[in-house]
PDB file of N, CA and C in Angstrom:
ATOM      1  N   LEU A   1      21.267  36.302   3.912  1.00  0.00           N
ATOM      2  CA  LEU A   1      22.616  35.608   4.411  1.00  0.00           C
ATOM      3  C   LEU A   1      22.728  34.315   3.866  1.00  0.00           C
ATOM      4  N   PRO A   2      21.818  33.401   3.679  1.00  0.00           N
ATOM      5  CA  PRO A   2      22.095  32.018   3.166  1.00  0.00           C
ATOM      6  C   PRO A   2      22.453  32.240   1.766  1.00  0.00           C
ATOM      7  N   LYS A   3      22.224  33.175   0.902  1.00  0.00           N
ATOM      8  CA  LYS A   3      22.464  33.190  -0.622  1.00  0.00           C
ATOM      9  C   LYS A   3      24.158  33.618  -0.502  1.00  0.00           C
ATOM     10  N   LEU A   4      24.397  34.328   0.565  1.00  0.00           N
ATOM     11  CA  LEU A   4      25.673  35.105   0.588  1.00  0.00           C
ATOM     12  C   LEU A   4      26.570  33.936   1.103  1.00  0.00           C
ATOM     13  N   VAL A   5      26.595  33.234   2.131  1.00  0.00           N
ATOM     14  CA  VAL A   5      27.107  32.213   2.582  1.00  0.00           C
ATOM     15  C   VAL A   5      27.498  31.244   1.709  1.00  0.00           C
ATOM     16  N   TRP A   6      26.435  30.867   1.003  1.00  0.00           N
ATOM     17  CA  TRP A   6      27.040  29.715  -0.092  1.00  0.00           C
ATOM     18  C   TRP A   6      27.950  30.153  -0.996  1.00  0.00           C
ATOM     19  N   SER A   7      28.113  31.590  -1.484  1.00  0.00           N
ATOM     20  CA  SER A   7      29.185  31.835  -2.192  1.00  0.00           C
ATOM     21  C   SER A   7      30.548  32.116  -1.617  1.00  0.00           C
ATOM     22  N   MET A   8      30.603  31.870  -0.307  1.00  0.00           N
ATOM     23  CA  MET A   8      31.650  32.465   0.467  1.00  0.00           C
ATOM     24  C   MET A   8      32.815  31.214   0.284  1.00  0.00           C
ATOM     25  N   ASN A   9      34.124  31.805   0.273  1.00  0.00           N
ATOM     26  CA  ASN A   9      35.435  31.007   0.257  1.00  0.00           C
ATOM     27  C   ASN A   9      35.648  30.457   1.902  1.00  0.00           C
ATOM     28  N   PRO A  10      36.493  29.605   1.980  1.00  0.00           N
ATOM     29  CA  PRO A  10      36.741  29.198   3.340  1.00  0.00           C
ATOM     30  C   PRO A  10      37.275  30.271   3.962  1.00  0.00           C
ATOM     31  N   LEU A  11      38.377  31.207   3.527  1.00  0.00           N
ATOM     32  CA  LEU A  11      38.685  32.413   4.153  1.00  0.00           C
ATOM     33  C   LEU A  11      37.754  33.433   4.431  1.00  0.00           C
ATOM     34  N   GLU A  12      36.671  33.507   3.712  1.00  0.00           N
ATOM     35  CA  GLU A  12      35.647  34.478   4.091  1.00  0.00           C
ATOM     36  C   GLU A  12      34.756  34.081   5.154  1.00  0.00           C
ATOM     37  N   LEU A  13      34.511  32.525   4.895  1.00  0.00           N
ATOM     38  CA  LEU A  13      33.810  32.044   6.052  1.00  0.00           C
ATOM     39  C   LEU A  13      34.609  32.223   7.624  1.00  0.00           C
ATOM     40  N   SER A  14      35.944  32.078   7.631  1.00  0.00           N
ATOM     41  CA  SER A  14      36.302  31.814   8.860  1.00  0.00           C
ATOM     42  C   SER A  14      36.605  33.449   9.420  1.00  0.00           C
ATOM     43  N   ASN A  15      36.752  34.314   8.519  1.00  0.00           N
ATOM     44  CA  ASN A  15      36.629  35.709   9.079  1.00  0.00           C
ATOM     45  C   ASN A  15      35.214  36.038   9.641  1.00  0.00           C
ATOM     46  N   LEU A  16      34.346  35.580   8.935  1.00  0.00           N
ATOM     47  CA  LEU A  16      32.767  35.982   9.204  1.00  0.00           C
ATOM     48  C   LEU A  16      32.700  35.550  10.529  1.00  0.00           C
ATOM     49  N   VAL A  17      32.865  33.975  10.793  1.00  0.00           N
ATOM     50  CA  VAL A  17      32.460  33.491  12.252  1.00  0.00           C
ATOM     51  C   VAL A  17      33.422  34.209  13.186  1.00  0.00           C
ATOM     52  N   ALA A  18      34.888  34.473  12.795  1.00  0.00           N
ATOM     53  CA  ALA A  18      35.813  35.267  13.627  1.00  0.00           C
ATOM     54  C   ALA A  18      35.144  36.505  14.059  1.00  0.00           C
ATOM     55  N   ALA A  19      34.861  37.281  13.260  1.00  0.00           N
ATOM     56  CA  ALA A  19      34.118  38.739  13.321  1.00  0.00           C
ATOM     57  C   ALA A  19      33.007  38.482  14.354  1.00  0.00           C
ATOM     58  N   MET A  20      31.915  37.393  14.220  1.00  0.00           N
ATOM     59  CA  MET A  20      31.223  37.359  15.049  1.00  0.00           C
ATOM     60  C   MET A  20      31.444  36.832  16.559  1.00  0.00           C
ATOM     61  N   ALA A  21      32.517  36.108  16.707  1.00  0.00           N
ATOM     62  CA  ALA A  21      32.974  35.767  18.000  1.00  0.00           C
ATOM     63  C   ALA A  21      33.575  37.085  18.737  1.00  0.00           C
ATOM     64  N   ARG A  22      34.226  37.803  17.839  1.00  0.00           N
ATOM     65  CA  ARG A  22      34.868  39.209  18.556  1.00  0.00           C
ATOM     66  C   ARG A  22      33.751  40.156  19.172  1.00  0.00           C
ATOM     67  N   VAL A  23      32.546  40.060  18.421  1.00  0.00           N
ATOM     68  CA  VAL A  23      31.618  41.233  19.063  1.00  0.00           C
ATOM     69  C   VAL A  23      30.560  40.313  19.701  1.00  0.00           C
ATOM     70  N   ASP A  24      30.887  39.084  19.850  1.00  0.00           N
ATOM     71  CA  ASP A  24      29.911  38.286  20.564  1.00  0.00           C
ATOM     72  C   ASP A  24      28.479  38.042  20.317  1.00  0.00           C
ATOM     73  N   ARG A  25      28.235  37.884  18.724  1.00  0.00           N
ATOM     74  CA  ARG A  25      27.288  37.834  18.196  1.00  0.00           C
ATOM     75  C   ARG A  25      26.869  36.533  18.044  1.00  0.00           C
ATOM     76  N   ARG A  26      25.830  36.108  18.532  1.00  0.00           N
ATOM     77  CA  ARG A  26      25.325  34.540  18.908  1.00  0.00           C
ATOM     78  C   ARG A  26      23.773  34.342  18.210  1.00  0.00           C
ATOM     79  N   ASP A  27      23.737  34.562  16.896  1.00  0.00           N
ATOM     80  CA  ASP A  27      22.680  34.366  16.281  1.00  0.00           C
ATOM     81  C   ASP A  27      22.611  33.119  15.654  1.00  0.00           C
ATOM     82  N   PRO A  28      21.737  32.200  16.452  1.00  0.00           N
ATOM     83  CA  PRO A  28      21.688  30.818  16.392  1.00  0.00           C
ATOM     84  C   PRO A  28      21.525  30.447  14.726  1.00  0.00           C
ATOM     85  N   ARG A  29      20.545  30.939  14.015  1.00  0.00           N
ATOM     86  CA  ARG A  29      20.168  30.840  12.740  1.00  0.00           C
ATOM     87  C   ARG A  29      21.402  30.846  11.785  1.00  0.00           C
ATOM     88  N   ALA A  30      21.870  32.269  12.063  1.00  0.00           N
ATOM     89  CA  ALA A  30      23.246  32.567  11.246  1.00  0.00           C
ATOM     90  C   ALA A  30      24.408  31.636  11.448  1.00  0.00           C
ATOM     91  N   LEU A  31      24.532  31.260  12.612  1.00  0.00           N
ATOM     92  CA  LEU A  31      25.702  30.369  13.108  1.00  0.00           C
ATOM     93  C   LEU A  31      25.412  28.847  12.505  1.00  0.00           C
ATOM     94  N   ILE A  32      24.250  28.351  12.301  1.00  0.00           N
ATOM     95  CA  ILE A  32      23.808  27.044  11.798  1.00  0.00           C
ATOM     96  C   ILE A  32      23.919  27.182  10.354  1.00  0.00           C
ATOM     97  N   ILE A  33      23.633  28.178   9.461  1.00  0.00           N
ATOM     98  CA  ILE A  33      23.964  28.370   8.144  1.00  0.00           C
ATOM     99  C   ILE A  33      25.640  28.283   7.841  1.00  0.00           C
ATOM    100  N   ILE A  34      26.274  29.278   8.704  1.00  0.00           N
ATOM    101  CA  ILE A  34      27.737  29.359   8.601  1.00  0.00           C
ATOM    102  C   ILE A  34      28.153  27.944   8.771  1.00  0.00           C
ATOM    103  N   ALA A  35      27.790  27.142   9.494  1.00  0.00           N
ATOM    104  CA  ALA A  35      28.353  25.955  10.285  1.00  0.00           C
ATOM    105  C   ALA A  35      28.075  25.058   9.155  1.00  0.00           C
ATOM    106  N   ARG A  36      27.095  24.950   8.414  1.00  0.00           N
ATOM    107  CA  ARG A  36      26.837  24.044   7.126  1.00  0.00           C
ATOM    108  C   ARG A  36      28.059  24.099   6.298  1.00  0.00           C
ATOM    109  N   MET A  37      28.048  25.349   5.876  1.00  0.00           N
ATOM    110  CA  MET A  37      28.971  25.516   4.580  1.00  0.00           C
ATOM    111  C   MET A  37      30.622  25.293   5.218  1.00  0.00           C
ATOM    112  N   CYS A  38      30.844  25.748   6.432  1.00  0.00           N
ATOM    113  CA  CYS A  38      31.999  25.263   7.200  1.00  0.00           C
ATOM    114  C   CYS A  38      32.350  23.829   7.104  1.00  0.00           C
ATOM    115  N   ARG A  39      31.482  23.105   7.430  1.00  0.00           N
ATOM    116  CA  ARG A  39      31.478  21.735   7.694  1.00  0.00           C
ATOM    117  C   ARG A  39      31.722  21.158   6.002  1.00  0.00           C
ATOM    118  N   ARG A  40      31.102  21.636   4.935  1.00  0.00           N
ATOM    119  CA  ARG A  40      31.239  21.130   3.592  1.00  0.00           C
ATOM    120  C   ARG A  40      32.621  21.531   3.047  1.00  0.00           C
ATOM    121  N   CYS A  41      33.233  22.795   3.650  1.00  0.00           N
ATOM    122  CA  CYS A  41      34.626  22.916   3.370  1.00  0.00           C
ATOM    123  C   CYS A  41      35.611  22.142   3.990  1.00  0.00           C
ATOM    124  N   ALA A  42      35.438  22.087   5.395  1.00  0.00           N
ATOM    125  CA  ALA A  42      36.328  21.113   5.986  1.00  0.00           C
ATOM    126  C   ALA A  42      36.337  19.841   5.388  1.00  0.00           C
ATOM    127  N   GLN A  43      35.114  18.960   5.026  1.00  0.00           N
ATOM    128  CA  GLN A  43      35.198  17.722   4.618  1.00  0.00           C
ATOM    129  C   GLN A  43      35.743  17.795   3.078  1.00  0.00           C
ATOM    130  N   SER A  44      36.009  18.717   2.387  1.00  0.00           N
ATOM    131  CA  SER A  44      36.589  18.732   1.193  1.00  0.00           C
ATOM    132  C   SER A  44      38.189  19.139   1.289  1.00  0.00           C
ATOM    133  N   ASN A  45      38.509  19.288   2.595  1.00  0.00           N
ATOM    134  CA  ASN A  45      39.726  19.708   2.950  1.00  0.00           C
ATOM    135  C   ASN A  45      39.990  21.045   1.992  1.00  0.00           C
ATOM    136  N   LEU A  46      39.406  22.168   2.345  1.00  0.00           N
ATOM    137  CA  LEU A  46      39.383  23.651   1.716  1.00  0.00           C
ATOM    138  C   LEU A  46      40.167  24.387   2.739  1.00  0.00           C
ATOM    139  N   PHE A  47      39.961  24.203   3.838  1.00  0.00           N
ATOM    140  CA  PHE A  47      40.475  25.028   4.874  1.00  0.00           C
ATOM    141  C   PHE A  47      41.929  25.060   4.850  1.00  0.00           C
ATOM    142  N   SER A  48      42.688  26.518   4.770  1.00  0.00           N
ATOM    143  CA  SER A  48      44.151  26.322   5.070  1.00  0.00           C
ATOM    144  C   SER A  48      44.410  26.225   6.644  1.00  0.00           C
ATOM    145  N   GLN A  49      45.651  25.986   6.969  1.00  0.00           N
ATOM    146  CA  GLN A  49      45.674  25.987   8.652  1.00  0.00           C
ATOM    147  C   GLN A  49      45.756  26.933   9.167  1.00  0.00           C
ATOM    148  N   GLU A  50      45.586  28.157   8.593  1.00  0.00           N
ATOM    149  CA  GLU A  50      45.254  29.376   9.532  1.00  0.00           C
ATOM    150  C   GLU A  50      43.647  29.538   9.464  1.00  0.00           C
ATOM    151  N   THR A  51      42.949  29.200   8.251  1.00  0.00           N
ATOM    152  CA  THR A  51      41.535  29.416   8.232  1.00  0.00           C
ATOM    153  C   THR A  51      40.674  28.255   9.104  1.00  0.00           C
ATOM    154  N   LEU A  52      41.337  26.949   9.284  1.00  0.00           N
ATOM    155  CA  LEU A  52      40.735  26.158  10.222  1.00  0.00           C
ATOM    156  C   LEU A  52      40.912  26.347  11.512  1.00  0.00           C
ATOM    157  N   ALA A  53      42.087  26.905  11.941  1.00  0.00           N
ATOM    158  CA  ALA A  53      42.418  27.364  13.359  1.00  0.00           C
ATOM    159  C   ALA A  53      41.555  28.435  13.792  1.00  0.00           C
ATOM    160  N   THR A  54      41.293  29.387  12.982  1.00  0.00           N
ATOM    161  CA  THR A  54      40.323  30.754  13.051  1.00  0.00           C
ATOM    162  C   THR A  54      38.900  30.157  13.388  1.00  0.00           C
ATOM    163  N   ALA A  55      38.564  29.644  12.223  1.00  0.00           N
ATOM    164  CA  ALA A  55      36.973  29.070  12.541  1.00  0.00           C
ATOM    165  C   ALA A  55      36.775  28.182  13.605  1.00  0.00           C
ATOM    166  N   LEU A  56      37.621  27.340  13.899  1.00  0.00           N
ATOM    167  CA  LEU A  56      37.328  26.370  15.043  1.00  0.00           C
ATOM    168  C   LEU A  56      37.295  27.197  16.309  1.00  0.00           C
ATOM    169  N   ASN A  57      38.366  27.938  16.237  1.00  0.00           N
ATOM    170  CA  ASN A  57      38.335  28.905  17.655  1.00  0.00           C
ATOM    171  C   ASN A  57      37.221  29.648  17.772  1.00  0.00           C
ATOM    172  N   ALA A  58      36.827  30.362  16.657  1.00  0.00           N
ATOM    173  CA  ALA A  58      35.503  31.391  16.809  1.00  0.00           C
ATOM    174  C   ALA A  58      34.466  30.525  17.199  1.00  0.00           C
ATOM    175  N   PHE A  59      34.188  29.209  16.544  1.00  0.00           N
ATOM    176  CA  PHE A  59      32.883  28.580  16.867  1.00  0.00           C
ATOM    177  C   PHE A  59      33.095  27.948  18.231  1.00  0.00           C
ATOM    178  N   ALA A  60      34.253  27.862  18.948  1.00  0.00           N
ATOM    179  CA  ALA A  60      34.241  27.459  20.289  1.00  0.00           C
ATOM    180  C   ALA A  60      34.049  28.675  21.148  1.00  0.00           C
ATOM    181  N   LYS A  61      34.652  29.892  20.822  1.00  0.00           N
ATOM    182  CA  LYS A  61      34.207  30.933  21.633  1.00  0.00           C
ATOM    183  C   LYS A  61      32.891  31.421  21.690  1.00  0.00           C
ATOM    184  N   LEU A  62      32.099  31.246  20.605  1.00  0.00           N
ATOM    185  CA  LEU A  62      30.696  31.357  20.734  1.00  0.00           C
ATOM    186  C   LEU A  62      29.878  30.264  21.278  1.00  0.00           C
ATOM    187  N   ASP A  63      30.506  29.341  21.805  1.00  0.00           N
ATOM    188  CA  ASP A  63      29.667  28.010  22.622  1.00  0.00           C
ATOM    189  C   ASP A  63      28.848  27.447  21.618  1.00  0.00           C
ATOM    190  N   PHE A  64      29.487  27.601  20.156  1.00  0.00           N
ATOM    191  CA  PHE A  64      28.469  26.770  19.179  1.00  0.00           C
ATOM    192  C   PHE A  64      28.897  25.165  19.123  1.00  0.00           C
ATOM    193  N   ASN A  65      28.232  24.220  19.733  1.00  0.00           N
ATOM    194  CA  ASN A  65      28.666  22.981  19.812  1.00  0.00           C
ATOM    195  C   ASN A  65      27.875  22.389  19.107  1.00  0.00           C
ATOM    196  N   HIS A  66      28.262  21.932  17.876  1.00  0.00           N
ATOM    197  CA  HIS A  66      27.370  20.807  16.995  1.00  0.00           C
ATOM    198  C   HIS A  66      28.217  19.665  16.970  1.00  0.00           C
ATOM    199  N   PRO A  67      27.817  18.574  17.141  1.00  0.00           N
ATOM    200  CA  PRO A  67      28.671  17.232  17.132  1.00  0.00           C
ATOM    201  C   PRO A  67      29.059  17.141  15.474  1.00  0.00           C
ATOM    202  N   LYS A  68      28.398  17.169  14.722  1.00  0.00           N
ATOM    203  CA  LYS A  68      28.713  16.867  13.121  1.00  0.00           C
ATOM    204  C   LYS A  68      29.843  18.154  12.765  1.00  0.00           C
ATOM    205  N   LEU A  69      29.800  19.227  13.075  1.00  0.00           N
ATOM    206  CA  LEU A  69      30.919  20.211  13.063  1.00  0.00           C
ATOM    207  C   LEU A  69      32.212  20.028  13.590  1.00  0.00           C
ATOM    208  N   ALA A  70      31.822  19.473  15.070  1.00  0.00           N
ATOM    209  CA  ALA A  70      33.077  19.351  15.663  1.00  0.00           C
ATOM    210  C   ALA A  70      33.829  18.216  15.324  1.00  0.00           C
ATOM    211  N   LYS A  71      33.312  17.227  14.865  1.00  0.00           N
ATOM    212  CA  LYS A  71      33.931  16.139  14.229  1.00  0.00           C
ATOM    213  C   LYS A  71      34.429  16.333  13.030  1.00  0.00           C
ATOM    214  N   VAL A  72      33.983  16.835  12.113  1.00  0.00           N
ATOM    215  CA  VAL A  72      34.465  17.517  10.677  1.00  0.00           C
ATOM    216  C   VAL A  72      35.640  18.036  10.888  1.00  0.00           C
ATOM    217  N   PHE A  73      35.868  19.319  11.884  1.00  0.00           N
ATOM    218  CA  PHE A  73      36.783  19.959  12.216  1.00  0.00           C
ATOM    219  C   PHE A  73      38.061  19.271  12.852  1.00  0.00           C
ATOM    220  N   GLU A  74      37.668  18.074  13.643  1.00  0.00           N
ATOM    221  CA  GLU A  74      38.782  17.371  14.131  1.00  0.00           C
ATOM    222  C   GLU A  74      39.365  16.504  13.538  1.00  0.00           C
ATOM    223  N   ASP A  75      38.573  16.059  12.354  1.00  0.00           N
ATOM    224  CA  ASP A  75      38.938  15.278  11.300  1.00  0.00           C
ATOM    225  C   ASP A  75      40.153  15.814  10.369  1.00  0.00           C
ATOM    226  N   ALA A  76      39.610  17.257  10.195  1.00  0.00           N
ATOM    227  CA  ALA A  76      40.516  18.121   9.089  1.00  0.00           C
ATOM    228  C   ALA A  76      41.709  18.546  10.006  1.00  0.00           C
ATOM    229  N   VAL A  77      41.902  18.655  11.368  1.00  0.00           N
ATOM    230  CA  VAL A  77      42.889  18.722  12.146  1.00  0.00           C
ATOM    231  C   VAL A  77      43.732  17.742  11.848  1.00  0.00           C
ATOM    232  N   VAL A  78      43.330  16.374  12.129  1.00  0.00           N
ATOM    233  CA  VAL A  78      43.979  15.384  12.278  1.00  0.00           C
ATOM    234  C   VAL A  78      44.938  15.045  10.854  1.00  0.00           C
ATOM    235  N   VAL A  79      43.828  15.291   9.724  1.00  0.00           N
ATOM    236  CA  VAL A  79      44.638  15.313   8.372  1.00  0.00           C
ATOM    237  C   VAL A  79      46.095  16.187   8.468  1.00  0.00           C
ATOM    238  N   LYS A  80      45.881  17.306   8.895  1.00  0.00           N
ATOM    239  CA  LYS A  80      46.997  18.223   8.667  1.00  0.00           C
ATOM    240  C   LYS A  80      48.111  17.648   9.572  1.00  0.00           C
ATOM    241  N   LEU A  81      47.661  17.356  11.142  1.00  0.00           N
ATOM    242  CA  LEU A  81      48.559  16.935  11.797  1.00  0.00           C
ATOM    243  C   LEU A  81      49.301  15.756  11.443  1.00  0.00           C
ATOM    244  N   ASP A  82      48.747  14.591  10.662  1.00  0.00           N
ATOM    245  CA  ASP A  82      49.473  13.505  10.323  1.00  0.00           C
ATOM    246  C   ASP A  82      50.317  13.847   9.196  1.00  0.00           C
ATOM    247  N   ARG A  83      49.738  14.911   8.360  1.00  0.00           N
ATOM    248  CA  ARG A  83      50.871  15.298   7.064  1.00  0.00           C
ATOM    249  C   ARG A  83      52.009  15.838   7.822  1.00  0.00           C
ATOM    250  N   ALA A  84      52.208  16.874   8.925  1.00  0.00           N
ATOM    251  CA  ALA A  84      53.228  17.186   9.527  1.00  0.00           C
ATOM    252  C   ALA A  84      54.078  16.337  10.280  1.00  0.00           C
ATOM    253  N   LEU A  85      53.441  15.423  10.959  1.00  0.00           N
ATOM    254  CA  LEU A  85      54.189  14.382  11.684  1.00  0.00           C
ATOM    255  C   LEU A  85      54.791  13.318  10.789  1.00  0.00           C
ATOM    256  N   ALA A  86      54.241  13.039   9.569  1.00  0.00           N
ATOM    257  CA  ALA A  86      54.920  12.282   8.289  1.00  0.00           C
ATOM    258  C   ALA A  86      56.257  13.058   7.881  1.00  0.00           C
ATOM    259  N   MET A  87      56.138  14.414   7.978  1.00  0.00           N
ATOM    260  CA  MET A  87      57.375  15.081   7.482  1.00  0.00           C
ATOM    261  C   MET A  87      58.586  15.012   8.455  1.00  0.00           C
ATOM    262  N   GLY A  88      58.202  14.668   9.515  1.00  0.00           N
ATOM    263  CA  GLY A  88      59.224  14.839  10.658  1.00  0.00           C
ATOM    264  C   GLY A  88      59.284  16.392  11.252  1.00  0.00           C
ATOM    265  N   ARG A  89      60.712  16.458  11.324  1.00  0.00           N
ATOM    266  CA  ARG A  89      61.163  17.689  11.958  1.00  0.00           C
ATOM    267  C   ARG A  89      61.206  18.644  10.794  1.00  0.00           C
ATOM    268  N   ASP A  90      61.300  18.247   9.473  1.00  0.00           N
ATOM    269  CA  ASP A  90      61.262  19.300   8.444  1.00  0.00           C
ATOM    270  C   ASP A  90      60.346  19.983   8.194  1.00  0.00           C
ATOM    271  N   TYR A  91      59.051  19.873   8.649  1.00  0.00           N
ATOM    272  CA  TYR A  91      57.968  20.682   8.444  1.00  0.00           C
ATOM    273  C   TYR A  91      57.915  22.115   8.765  1.00  0.00           C
ATOM    274  N   ARG A  92      58.863  22.426   9.826  1.00  0.00           N
ATOM    275  CA  ARG A  92      58.961  23.692  10.175  1.00  0.00           C
ATOM    276  C   ARG A  92      60.078  24.596   9.414  1.00  0.00           C
ATOM    277  N   LYS A  93      60.872  23.938   8.250  1.00  0.00           N
ATOM    278  CA  LYS A  93      61.623  24.465   7.667  1.00  0.00           C
ATOM    279  C   LYS A  93      61.070  25.457   6.646  1.00  0.00           C
ATOM    280  N   SER A  94      61.790  26.877   6.535  1.00  0.00           N
ATOM    281  CA  SER A  94      61.329  28.015   5.903  1.00  0.00           C
ATOM    282  C   SER A  94      60.750  27.368   4.465  1.00  0.00           C
ATOM    283  N   SER A  95      61.600  26.604   3.852  1.00  0.00           N
ATOM    284  CA  SER A  95      61.526  26.137   2.263  1.00  0.00           C
ATOM    285  C   SER A  95      60.336  25.523   2.046  1.00  0.00           C
ATOM    286  N   LEU A  96      59.490  25.184   2.966  1.00  0.00           N
ATOM    287  CA  LEU A  96      58.213  24.450   3.001  1.00  0.00           C
ATOM    288  C   LEU A  96      57.151  25.281   3.329  1.00  0.00           C
ATOM    289  N   ARG A  97      57.161  26.549   3.214  1.00  0.00           N
ATOM    290  CA  ARG A  97      56.215  27.610   3.184  1.00  0.00           C
ATOM    291  C   ARG A  97      54.864  27.110   2.564  1.00  0.00           C
ATOM    292  N   ASP A  98      54.761  26.617   1.446  1.00  0.00           N
ATOM    293  CA  ASP A  98      53.764  26.444   0.677  1.00  0.00           C
ATOM    294  C   ASP A  98      53.140  24.968   1.083  1.00  0.00           C
ATOM    295  N   VAL A  99      53.588  24.167   2.170  1.00  0.00           N
ATOM    296  CA  VAL A  99      53.115  23.072   2.764  1.00  0.00           C
ATOM    297  C   VAL A  99      52.147  23.367   3.697  1.00  0.00           C
ATOM    298  N   ASP A 100      50.766  22.837   3.648  1.00  0.00           N
ATOM    299  CA  ASP A 100      49.796  23.257   4.484  1.00  0.00           C
ATOM    300  C   ASP A 100      49.919  22.343   5.713  1.00  0.00           C
ATOM    301  N   VAL A 101      50.518  22.792   6.563  1.00  0.00           N
ATOM    302  CA  VAL A 101      50.784  22.208   7.827  1.00  0.00           C
ATOM    303  C   VAL A 101      50.617  23.208   8.996  1.00  0.00           C
ATOM    304  N   PHE A 102      50.366  22.794  10.065  1.00  0.00           N
ATOM    305  CA  PHE A 102      50.251  24.032  11.008  1.00  0.00           C
ATOM    306  C   PHE A 102      51.313  24.838  11.446  1.00  0.00           C
ATOM    307  N   ASP A 103      51.545  26.097  11.482  1.00  0.00           N
ATOM    308  CA  ASP A 103      52.271  26.941  12.105  1.00  0.00           C
ATOM    309  C   ASP A 103      52.038  26.949  13.549  1.00  0.00           C
ATOM    310  N   VAL A 104      53.319  27.434  14.448  1.00  0.00           N
ATOM    311  CA  VAL A 104      52.966  27.303  15.741  1.00  0.00           C
ATOM    312  C   VAL A 104      51.710  28.078  16.333  1.00  0.00           C
ATOM    313  N   GLN A 105      51.407  29.299  15.860  1.00  0.00           N
ATOM    314  CA  GLN A 105      50.367  29.960  16.071  1.00  0.00           C
ATOM    315  C   GLN A 105      49.072  29.362  15.943  1.00  0.00           C
ATOM    316  N   ALA A 106      48.941  28.768  15.092  1.00  0.00           N
ATOM    317  CA  ALA A 106      47.738  27.957  14.462  1.00  0.00           C
ATOM    318  C   ALA A 106      47.587  26.698  15.197  1.00  0.00           C
ATOM    319  N   LEU A 107      48.848  26.046  15.351  1.00  0.00           N
ATOM    320  CA  LEU A 107      48.702  24.910  16.479  1.00  0.00           C
ATOM    321  C   LEU A 107      48.326  25.160  17.848  1.00  0.00           C
ATOM    322  N   VAL A 108      48.892  26.375  18.499  1.00  0.00           N
ATOM    323  CA  VAL A 108      48.635  26.485  19.884  1.00  0.00           C
ATOM    324  C   VAL A 108      47.043  26.882  19.862  1.00  0.00           C
ATOM    325  N   LEU A 109      46.328  27.680  18.785  1.00  0.00           N
ATOM    326  CA  LEU A 109      44.998  28.063  18.662  1.00  0.00           C
ATOM    327  C   LEU A 109      44.131  26.858  18.519  1.00  0.00           C
ATOM    328  N   VAL A 110      44.665  25.792  17.665  1.00  0.00           N
ATOM    329  CA  VAL A 110      43.941  24.705  17.777  1.00  0.00           C
ATOM    330  C   VAL A 110      43.943  23.850  18.901  1.00  0.00           C
ATOM    331  N   LEU A 111      45.041  23.936  19.637  1.00  0.00           N
ATOM    332  CA  LEU A 111      45.157  22.949  20.811  1.00  0.00           C
ATOM    333  C   LEU A 111      44.304  23.596  21.841  1.00  0.00           C
ATOM    334  N   GLN A 112      44.248  24.982  21.947  1.00  0.00           N
ATOM    335  CA  GLN A 112      43.319  25.560  23.051  1.00  0.00           C
ATOM    336  C   GLN A 112      41.894  25.380  22.775  1.00  0.00           C
ATOM    337  N   ALA A 113      41.700  25.471  21.657  1.00  0.00           N
ATOM    338  CA  ALA A 113      40.179  25.424  21.319  1.00  0.00           C
ATOM    339  C   ALA A 113      39.735  23.986  21.643  1.00  0.00           C
ATOM    340  N   LEU A 114      40.462  22.790  20.905  1.00  0.00           N
ATOM    341  CA  LEU A 114      39.920  21.563  21.242  1.00  0.00           C
ATOM    342  C   LEU A 114      39.842  20.892  22.508  1.00  0.00           C
ATOM    343  N   VAL A 115      41.146  21.322  23.372  1.00  0.00           N
ATOM    344  CA  VAL A 115      41.122  20.996  24.506  1.00  0.00           C
ATOM    345  C   VAL A 115      40.272  21.460  25.690  1.00  0.00           C
ATOM    346  N   CYS A 116      40.217  22.709  25.615  1.00  0.00           N
ATOM    347  CA  CYS A 116      39.688  23.649  26.654  1.00  0.00           C
ATOM    348  C   CYS A 116      37.961  23.998  26.235  1.00  0.00           C
ATOM    349  N   LEU A 117      38.066  24.239  25.108  1.00  0.00           N
ATOM    350  CA  LEU A 117      36.489  24.575  24.629  1.00  0.00           C
ATOM    351  C   LEU A 117      35.580  23.786  23.961  1.00  0.00           C
ATOM    352  N   VAL A 118      36.032  22.717  23.094  1.00  0.00           N
ATOM    353  CA  VAL A 118      35.419  21.763  22.628  1.00  0.00           C
ATOM    354  C   VAL A 118      35.315  20.427  23.321  1.00  0.00           C
ATOM    355  N   GLY A 119      36.742  20.185  23.524  1.00  0.00           N
ATOM    356  CA  GLY A 119      36.563  18.516  23.981  1.00  0.00           C
ATOM    357  C   GLY A 119      37.260  17.576  22.764  1.00  0.00           C
ATOM    358  N   THR A 120      38.399  16.936  23.138  1.00  0.00           N
ATOM    359  CA  THR A 120      38.692  16.009  21.820  1.00  0.00           C
ATOM    360  C   THR A 120      39.238  14.661  22.513  1.00  0.00           C
ATOM    361  N   GLN A 121      39.670  13.872  21.537  1.00  0.00           N
ATOM    362  CA  GLN A 121      40.203  12.435  21.895  1.00  0.00           C
ATOM    363  C   GLN A 121      41.513  12.504  22.291  1.00  0.00           C
ATOM    364  N   ASP A 122      42.051  11.703  23.203  1.00  0.00           N
ATOM    365  CA  ASP A 122      43.330  11.900  23.832  1.00  0.00           C
ATOM    366  C   ASP A 122      44.299  11.588  22.569  1.00  0.00           C
ATOM    367  N   GLU A 123      43.848  10.947  21.408  1.00  0.00           N
ATOM    368  CA  GLU A 123      45.137  10.653  20.428  1.00  0.00           C
ATOM    369  C   GLU A 123      45.260  11.840  19.950  1.00  0.00           C
ATOM    370  N   VAL A 124      44.422  12.850  19.685  1.00  0.00           N
ATOM    371  CA  VAL A 124      44.259  14.044  18.978  1.00  0.00           C
ATOM    372  C   VAL A 124      45.296  14.959  19.777  1.00  0.00           C
ATOM    373  N   ILE A 125      45.021  15.047  20.977  1.00  0.00           N
ATOM    374  CA  ILE A 125      45.934  15.933  22.050  1.00  0.00           C
ATOM    375  C   ILE A 125      47.275  15.442  21.847  1.00  0.00           C
ATOM    376  N   GLU A 126      47.692  14.009  21.995  1.00  0.00           N
ATOM    377  CA  GLU A 126      48.785  13.458  21.887  1.00  0.00           C
ATOM    378  C   GLU A 126      49.739  14.050  20.632  1.00  0.00           C
ATOM    379  N   LYS A 127      48.890  14.025  19.559  1.00  0.00           N
ATOM    380  CA  LYS A 127      49.382  14.455  18.118  1.00  0.00           C
ATOM    381  C   LYS A 127      49.712  16.104  18.119  1.00  0.00           C
ATOM    382  N   LEU A 128      48.857  16.776  18.580  1.00  0.00           N
ATOM    383  CA  LEU A 128      48.964  18.213  18.987  1.00  0.00           C
ATOM    384  C   LEU A 128      50.178  18.312  19.790  1.00  0.00           C
ATOM    385  N   LEU A 129      50.439  17.863  20.362  1.00  0.00           N
ATOM    386  CA  LEU A 129      51.667  17.919  21.686  1.00  0.00           C
ATOM    387  C   LEU A 129      52.849  17.640  20.745  1.00  0.00           C
TER     388      LEU A 129
END
């Protein structure tokens, strides 16, 4: 698994941890390895809004609470939220499909994961709402 994870892209990592959450596979060693790579991808802002929301929710469903991973995911969410808030109401226009800000489904998934499962700062909750 270690060699495989280091060659995965953010979409594959997100799908892997989501599949583990779906079947409730809580292998601590595997989750630590996947979390390290996810942390690197999140720090480099490589996750799209969909993959970030999916990975964050999957780790939360698996009750995998690692402070460094949670902080990096929260920071990645804030970057995308700030970008959307800077655009104002225009970020929802269909002509901006290539702009990587949260769609409604991903926004709700992130809100639920951060508020109910992980816990986050009040400022982030206000931005999500």
